[in-house]
Amino acid sequence: MYVVCKDHLEIAIDEFVDEYEEAPDVVDLHKTHFVNWEAPTHCEHCREEARFLVV
């Protein structure tokens, strides 16, 4: 699972495919909210706002 900004989305997808050998689901964190999980506020690769969840 990766939480990234728009600029690092492609990198996160590539990392997911390399690790799991299948295409991930990409969730827009601006449109989806989770009841029992609070999404990180910053991208894993930089300090920009986290926008996408790659699972």
PDB file of N, CA and C in Angstrom:
ATOM      1  N   MET A   1       0.852  -1.172   0.000  1.00  0.00           N
ATOM      2  CA  MET A   1       0.000   0.000   0.000  1.00  0.00           C
ATOM      3  C   MET A   1       0.895   1.232   0.000  1.00  0.00           C
ATOM      4  N   TYR A   2       0.551   2.188  -0.863  1.00  0.00           N
ATOM      5  CA  TYR A   2       1.313   3.427  -0.977  1.00  0.00           C
ATOM      6  C   TYR A   2       0.346   4.605  -0.908  1.00  0.00           C
ATOM      7  N   VAL A   3       0.754   5.653  -0.226  1.00  0.00           N
ATOM      8  CA  VAL A   3      -0.022   6.892  -0.176  1.00  0.00           C
ATOM      9  C   VAL A   3       0.870   7.971  -0.774  1.00  0.00           C
ATOM     10  N   VAL A   4       0.432   8.527  -1.902  1.00  0.00           N
ATOM     11  CA  VAL A   4       1.307   9.426  -2.661  1.00  0.00           C
ATOM     12  C   VAL A   4       0.562  10.641  -3.212  1.00  0.00           C
ATOM     13  N   CYS A   5       1.344  11.617  -3.644  1.00  0.00           N
ATOM     14  CA  CYS A   5       0.803  12.789  -4.324  1.00  0.00           C
ATOM     15  C   CYS A   5       0.652  12.469  -5.815  1.00  0.00           C
ATOM     16  N   LYS A   6       0.091  13.413  -6.547  1.00  0.00           N
ATOM     17  CA  LYS A   6      -0.121  13.221  -7.984  1.00  0.00           C
ATOM     18  C   LYS A   6       1.200  13.007  -8.729  1.00  0.00           C
ATOM     19  N   ASP A   7       2.249  13.720  -8.324  1.00  0.00           N
ATOM     20  CA  ASP A   7       3.536  13.619  -9.006  1.00  0.00           C
ATOM     21  C   ASP A   7       4.201  12.254  -8.840  1.00  0.00           C
ATOM     22  N   HIS A   8       3.907  11.553  -7.758  1.00  0.00           N
ATOM     23  CA  HIS A   8       4.548  10.263  -7.493  1.00  0.00           C
ATOM     24  C   HIS A   8       3.624   9.064  -7.720  1.00  0.00           C
ATOM     25  N   LEU A   9       2.462   9.300  -8.290  1.00  0.00           N
ATOM     26  CA  LEU A   9       1.508   8.216  -8.525  1.00  0.00           C
ATOM     27  C   LEU A   9       2.087   7.143  -9.444  1.00  0.00           C
ATOM     28  N   GLU A  10       2.696   7.550 -10.534  1.00  0.00           N
ATOM     29  CA  GLU A  10       3.248   6.582 -11.485  1.00  0.00           C
ATOM     30  C   GLU A  10       4.345   5.730 -10.847  1.00  0.00           C
ATOM     31  N   ILE A  11       5.169   6.332 -10.019  1.00  0.00           N
ATOM     32  CA  ILE A  11       6.230   5.589  -9.321  1.00  0.00           C
ATOM     33  C   ILE A  11       5.611   4.560  -8.385  1.00  0.00           C
ATOM     34  N   ALA A  12       4.569   4.950  -7.644  1.00  0.00           N
ATOM     35  CA  ALA A  12       3.914   4.028  -6.715  1.00  0.00           C
ATOM     36  C   ALA A  12       3.278   2.856  -7.462  1.00  0.00           C
ATOM     37  N   ILE A  13       2.670   3.126  -8.608  1.00  0.00           N
ATOM     38  CA  ILE A  13       2.075   2.046  -9.412  1.00  0.00           C
ATOM     39  C   ILE A  13       3.167   1.096  -9.874  1.00  0.00           C
ATOM     40  N   ASP A  14       4.287   1.620 -10.360  1.00  0.00           N
ATOM     41  CA  ASP A  14       5.404   0.773 -10.798  1.00  0.00           C
ATOM     42  C   ASP A  14       5.943  -0.073  -9.646  1.00  0.00           C
ATOM     43  N   GLU A  15       6.085   0.523  -8.472  1.00  0.00           N
ATOM     44  CA  GLU A  15       6.577  -0.220  -7.309  1.00  0.00           C
ATOM     45  C   GLU A  15       5.605  -1.332  -6.916  1.00  0.00           C
ATOM     46  N   PHE A  16       4.315  -1.043  -6.974  1.00  0.00           N
ATOM     47  CA  PHE A  16       3.303  -2.039  -6.640  1.00  0.00           C
ATOM     48  C   PHE A  16       3.374  -3.215  -7.616  1.00  0.00           C
ATOM     49  N   VAL A  17       3.436  -2.907  -8.905  1.00  0.00           N
ATOM     50  CA  VAL A  17       3.497  -3.962  -9.928  1.00  0.00           C
ATOM     51  C   VAL A  17       4.769  -4.787  -9.761  1.00  0.00           C
ATOM     52  N   ASP A  18       5.897  -4.136  -9.487  1.00  0.00           N
ATOM     53  CA  ASP A  18       7.151  -4.870  -9.274  1.00  0.00           C
ATOM     54  C   ASP A  18       7.047  -5.821  -8.089  1.00  0.00           C
ATOM     55  N   GLU A  19       6.384  -5.385  -7.025  1.00  0.00           N
ATOM     56  CA  GLU A  19       6.296  -6.199  -5.814  1.00  0.00           C
ATOM     57  C   GLU A  19       5.250  -7.308  -5.908  1.00  0.00           C
ATOM     58  N   TYR A  20       4.065  -6.981  -6.436  1.00  0.00           N
ATOM     59  CA  TYR A  20       2.949  -7.932  -6.414  1.00  0.00           C
ATOM     60  C   TYR A  20       2.629  -8.564  -7.770  1.00  0.00           C
ATOM     61  N   GLU A  21       3.248  -8.076  -8.831  1.00  0.00           N
ATOM     62  CA  GLU A  21       3.064  -8.608 -10.181  1.00  0.00           C
ATOM     63  C   GLU A  21       1.616  -8.588 -10.641  1.00  0.00           C
ATOM     64  N   GLU A  22       0.886  -7.552 -10.237  1.00  0.00           N
ATOM     65  CA  GLU A  22      -0.479  -7.328 -10.710  1.00  0.00           C
ATOM     66  C   GLU A  22      -0.789  -5.841 -10.612  1.00  0.00           C
ATOM     67  N   ALA A  23      -1.806  -5.428 -11.321  1.00  0.00           N
ATOM     68  CA  ALA A  23      -2.188  -4.010 -11.327  1.00  0.00           C
ATOM     69  C   ALA A  23      -2.875  -3.642 -10.016  1.00  0.00           C
ATOM     70  N   PRO A  24      -2.562  -2.462  -9.481  1.00  0.00           N
ATOM     71  CA  PRO A  24      -3.183  -2.036  -8.225  1.00  0.00           C
ATOM     72  C   PRO A  24      -4.517  -1.334  -8.463  1.00  0.00           C
ATOM     73  N   ASP A  25      -5.244  -1.159  -7.385  1.00  0.00           N
ATOM     74  CA  ASP A  25      -6.391  -0.254  -7.378  1.00  0.00           C
ATOM     75  C   ASP A  25      -5.849   1.096  -6.926  1.00  0.00           C
ATOM     76  N   VAL A  26      -6.350   2.164  -7.544  1.00  0.00           N
ATOM     77  CA  VAL A  26      -5.943   3.514  -7.175  1.00  0.00           C
ATOM     78  C   VAL A  26      -7.176   4.241  -6.655  1.00  0.00           C
ATOM     79  N   VAL A  27      -7.085   4.737  -5.419  1.00  0.00           N
ATOM     80  CA  VAL A  27      -8.203   5.404  -4.766  1.00  0.00           C
ATOM     81  C   VAL A  27      -7.855   6.879  -4.581  1.00  0.00           C
ATOM     82  N   ASP A  28      -8.739   7.753  -5.023  1.00  0.00           N
ATOM     83  CA  ASP A  28      -8.566   9.194  -4.841  1.00  0.00           C
ATOM     84  C   ASP A  28      -9.003   9.540  -3.417  1.00  0.00           C
ATOM     85  N   LEU A  29      -8.070   9.980  -2.600  1.00  0.00           N
ATOM     86  CA  LEU A  29      -8.360  10.270  -1.198  1.00  0.00           C
ATOM     87  C   LEU A  29      -9.228  11.512  -1.017  1.00  0.00           C
ATOM     88  N   HIS A  30      -9.388  12.315  -2.056  1.00  0.00           N
ATOM     89  CA  HIS A  30     -10.284  13.470  -1.985  1.00  0.00           C
ATOM     90  C   HIS A  30     -11.740  13.048  -2.170  1.00  0.00           C
ATOM     91  N   LYS A  31     -11.951  11.853  -2.703  1.00  0.00           N
ATOM     92  CA  LYS A  31     -13.307  11.389  -2.978  1.00  0.00           C
ATOM     93  C   LYS A  31     -13.742  10.232  -2.090  1.00  0.00           C
ATOM     94  N   THR A  32     -12.813   9.632  -1.354  1.00  0.00           N
ATOM     95  CA  THR A  32     -13.111   8.455  -0.545  1.00  0.00           C
ATOM     96  C   THR A  32     -12.640   8.675   0.892  1.00  0.00           C
ATOM     97  N   HIS A  33     -13.469   8.266   1.821  1.00  0.00           N
ATOM     98  CA  HIS A  33     -13.112   8.367   3.237  1.00  0.00           C
ATOM     99  C   HIS A  33     -13.305   6.998   3.881  1.00  0.00           C
ATOM    100  N   PHE A  34     -12.433   6.667   4.814  1.00  0.00           N
ATOM    101  CA  PHE A  34     -12.482   5.384   5.485  1.00  0.00           C
ATOM    102  C   PHE A  34     -12.908   5.583   6.936  1.00  0.00           C
ATOM    103  N   VAL A  35     -13.698   4.666   7.443  1.00  0.00           N
ATOM    104  CA  VAL A  35     -14.226   4.780   8.797  1.00  0.00           C
ATOM    105  C   VAL A  35     -13.154   4.499   9.846  1.00  0.00           C
ATOM    106  N   ASN A  36     -12.412   3.423   9.691  1.00  0.00           N
ATOM    107  CA  ASN A  36     -11.467   2.988  10.721  1.00  0.00           C
ATOM    108  C   ASN A  36     -10.005   3.223  10.362  1.00  0.00           C
ATOM    109  N   TRP A  37      -9.741   4.100   9.403  1.00  0.00           N
ATOM    110  CA  TRP A  37      -8.359   4.343   8.979  1.00  0.00           C
ATOM    111  C   TRP A  37      -8.208   5.806   8.611  1.00  0.00           C
ATOM    112  N   GLU A  38      -7.211   6.432   9.170  1.00  0.00           N
ATOM    113  CA  GLU A  38      -6.910   7.826   8.861  1.00  0.00           C
ATOM    114  C   GLU A  38      -5.725   7.837   7.895  1.00  0.00           C
ATOM    115  N   ALA A  39      -5.946   8.330   6.690  1.00  0.00           N
ATOM    116  CA  ALA A  39      -4.893   8.364   5.674  1.00  0.00           C
ATOM    117  C   ALA A  39      -3.791   9.329   6.077  1.00  0.00           C
ATOM    118  N   PRO A  40      -2.544   8.989   5.776  1.00  0.00           N
ATOM    119  CA  PRO A  40      -1.452   9.938   6.027  1.00  0.00           C
ATOM    120  C   PRO A  40      -1.703  11.241   5.265  1.00  0.00           C
ATOM    121  N   THR A  41      -1.208  12.327   5.786  1.00  0.00           N
ATOM    122  CA  THR A  41      -1.456  13.620   5.153  1.00  0.00           C
ATOM    123  C   THR A  41      -0.423  13.977   4.098  1.00  0.00           C
ATOM    124  N   HIS A  42       0.747  13.306   4.127  1.00  0.00           N
ATOM    125  CA  HIS A  42       1.815  13.632   3.184  1.00  0.00           C
ATOM    126  C   HIS A  42       2.219  12.422   2.350  1.00  0.00           C
ATOM    127  N   CYS A  43       2.667  12.710   1.156  1.00  0.00           N
ATOM    128  CA  CYS A  43       3.181  11.696   0.227  1.00  0.00           C
ATOM    129  C   CYS A  43       4.358  10.953   0.863  1.00  0.00           C
ATOM    130  N   GLU A  44       4.481   9.671   0.543  1.00  0.00           N
ATOM    131  CA  GLU A  44       5.594   8.868   1.051  1.00  0.00           C
ATOM    132  C   GLU A  44       6.935   9.255   0.429  1.00  0.00           C
ATOM    133  N   HIS A  45       6.908   9.944  -0.719  1.00  0.00           N
ATOM    134  CA  HIS A  45       8.137  10.284  -1.434  1.00  0.00           C
ATOM    135  C   HIS A  45       8.552  11.740  -1.271  1.00  0.00           C
ATOM    136  N   CYS A  46       7.634  12.593  -0.805  1.00  0.00           N
ATOM    137  CA  CYS A  46       7.951  14.015  -0.631  1.00  0.00           C
ATOM    138  C   CYS A  46       7.032  14.607   0.433  1.00  0.00           C
ATOM    139  N   ARG A  47       7.027  15.890   0.584  1.00  0.00           N
ATOM    140  CA  ARG A  47       6.212  16.546   1.605  1.00  0.00           C
ATOM    141  C   ARG A  47       4.912  17.115   1.045  1.00  0.00           C
ATOM    142  N   GLU A  48       4.571  16.801  -0.195  1.00  0.00           N
ATOM    143  CA  GLU A  48       3.328  17.279  -0.797  1.00  0.00           C
ATOM    144  C   GLU A  48       2.130  16.562  -0.162  1.00  0.00           C
ATOM    145  N   GLU A  49       0.948  17.113  -0.371  1.00  0.00           N
ATOM    146  CA  GLU A  49      -0.272  16.523   0.153  1.00  0.00           C
ATOM    147  C   GLU A  49      -0.528  15.149  -0.466  1.00  0.00           C
ATOM    148  N   ALA A  50      -0.861  14.171   0.373  1.00  0.00           N
ATOM    149  CA  ALA A  50      -1.204  12.833  -0.116  1.00  0.00           C
ATOM    150  C   ALA A  50      -2.535  12.913  -0.846  1.00  0.00           C
ATOM    151  N   ARG A  51      -2.608  12.340  -2.035  1.00  0.00           N
ATOM    152  CA  ARG A  51      -3.830  12.422  -2.841  1.00  0.00           C
ATOM    153  C   ARG A  51      -4.363  11.043  -3.219  1.00  0.00           C
ATOM    154  N   PHE A  52      -3.481  10.071  -3.406  1.00  0.00           N
ATOM    155  CA  PHE A  52      -3.899   8.760  -3.887  1.00  0.00           C
ATOM    156  C   PHE A  52      -3.410   7.637  -2.987  1.00  0.00           C
ATOM    157  N   LEU A  53      -4.247   6.627  -2.877  1.00  0.00           N
ATOM    158  CA  LEU A  53      -3.925   5.386  -2.187  1.00  0.00           C
ATOM    159  C   LEU A  53      -3.789   4.324  -3.259  1.00  0.00           C
ATOM    160  N   VAL A  54      -2.652   3.657  -3.291  1.00  0.00           N
ATOM    161  CA  VAL A  54      -2.389   2.603  -4.279  1.00  0.00           C
ATOM    162  C   VAL A  54      -2.359   1.288  -3.520  1.00  0.00           C
ATOM    163  N   VAL A  55      -3.362   0.424  -3.801  1.00  0.00           N
ATOM    164  CA  VAL A  55      -3.472  -0.861  -3.093  1.00  0.00           C
ATOM    165  C   VAL A  55      -3.727  -1.997  -4.058  1.00  0.00           C
TER     166      VAL A  55
END
